[in-house]
Amino acid sequence: MSSDLEYSPYDYRVHEDPYPVYARLRREAPLYRNEELDFWALSRHADVATAFRDWERFSSVNGVTLDASAWGPHAHRTMSFLALDPPRHTRLRSLVSRGFTPRRVRELHPRILEMTRTLLEPLIEGEPFDFVADFAGVLPMDVISELMGVPEADRPELRRLAEVVVHREEGVQDVPPAGMDAALTLVGYYAELLAAKRRKPGDDLTSALLEAEVDGDRLADGEIIAFLFLMVIAGNETTTKLLANALYWAWKHRLTDRVLKEPVDAWIEETLRYDTSSQQIARTVAEDFTAHGRTVPAGSRLLLLVGSANRDEDVFPGADRYDLDRDTSQLISFGGGRHYCLGANMARLEAQIALTEFTRLVSAYEVDEANAVRVHSSNVRGFASLPVSLIGRSPG
């Protein structure tokens, strides 16, 4: 490994473009060690995919992020079952799944379509606008909030708080004070929502979680609140970034004519592979393991670099090419094994509806790249602002 090869998920230069660093890691240091931040990292697809499936050796018990305030045995209080191993993970995921069934997701289709049209149609043929602030950042929060039973009037503030939670200040290797305050405010809000739904249940996820039961076992209030917090962070931010990334990369690679004429599935899947919203996830090494000639001791912190694995040329030939015709079946943007993302179907459904409506309404678009702003987060990649201009399709 060259002495100048450095990787940190907190580095603003990495946030702007991590892929050259990932390529060097896969080539020169597939098992990388950062002494200063005390973590190891796996960057090749085979290694990351294997680690996802092996929960016994690569444990989630201390959480999924290096942030000091979110790492440790209490991580599940804010990250729900993401920060648990079986059997506790199995129990909690099984209970939560009762309120997050495929039927409940499918039934949201008409409402997601309605919300998409309400947001998007006024933007057509108007002035240039911020695709994130006016659409991609609003729709996922509205969908999650609709699912939870959050009143419409509260949704803009919840979205603002979620953005503050994931933002990382340059040079700060933890959740900044503003993020801690926002997280506490969100937890307090969901505690009040839970109390309200207990008094007056509705046809929503929060009410369903209060009633969820498996063999007489039910969720504690703290477990429900942690899951709602996870939903608003993971479910909202990652889908927002997926939608904006899709628009940006199709434009950047001069594929706008094509994506606006074809079904959107390949567009979504290649965006998930090429520039996934969730770039990395942390694990605790449960027992010593050796890879690529180095031994990682038990108790170490290990990063699984999902964004790098999805650009591994051994699995995706010409991986740095944005190719709508490629086989994306081995992408691991939603993880794998027991921790495969519970919201993967929801994210794909939202993106499918949103981008299909976009192609129905839009005949051409341009991105104002000079004024685009990337989000700064240790694990979420995408745009905080993406100015665009549209030309609408002619009626009929």
Foldseek 3Di string as FASTA:
>chain_A
DDPPQDDALQAVVCLVPVQVSLVCCVVPPQWDADPVLFATEHQAQVVLQVLLACCQQWPLQQHWDSAPVCGDNCNCLQQFLSNHDPPVSVVLVVLLCQLVDPVLLVVCLVVLLVVLCVQPVVQAPDDWDWCLVRPLLQSLLVSLCVQAVNDPVCRVVLSVLLLLLFFDDRPDRHRDPSNVVSLVVLLVVVLVVLVVCVVPPDSHSSVSLQVGDDPRDHDDSSSSSSVSSNCSNVRRQQLSFLQQLLVVVCQVQVNQQPCLVDQCPLSSLLSCLLPGFFFKIKTFRQAWDDDPHDIDHGRGIYIYGLNSNSQRCVVWPVSNDSDSPTDSVSRQSQGDHPNRPSCPVSSSSSSSSNSNVVSQWFNDKDWPVVPWAWGRGSTGHGTPTITMHTHTDDDD
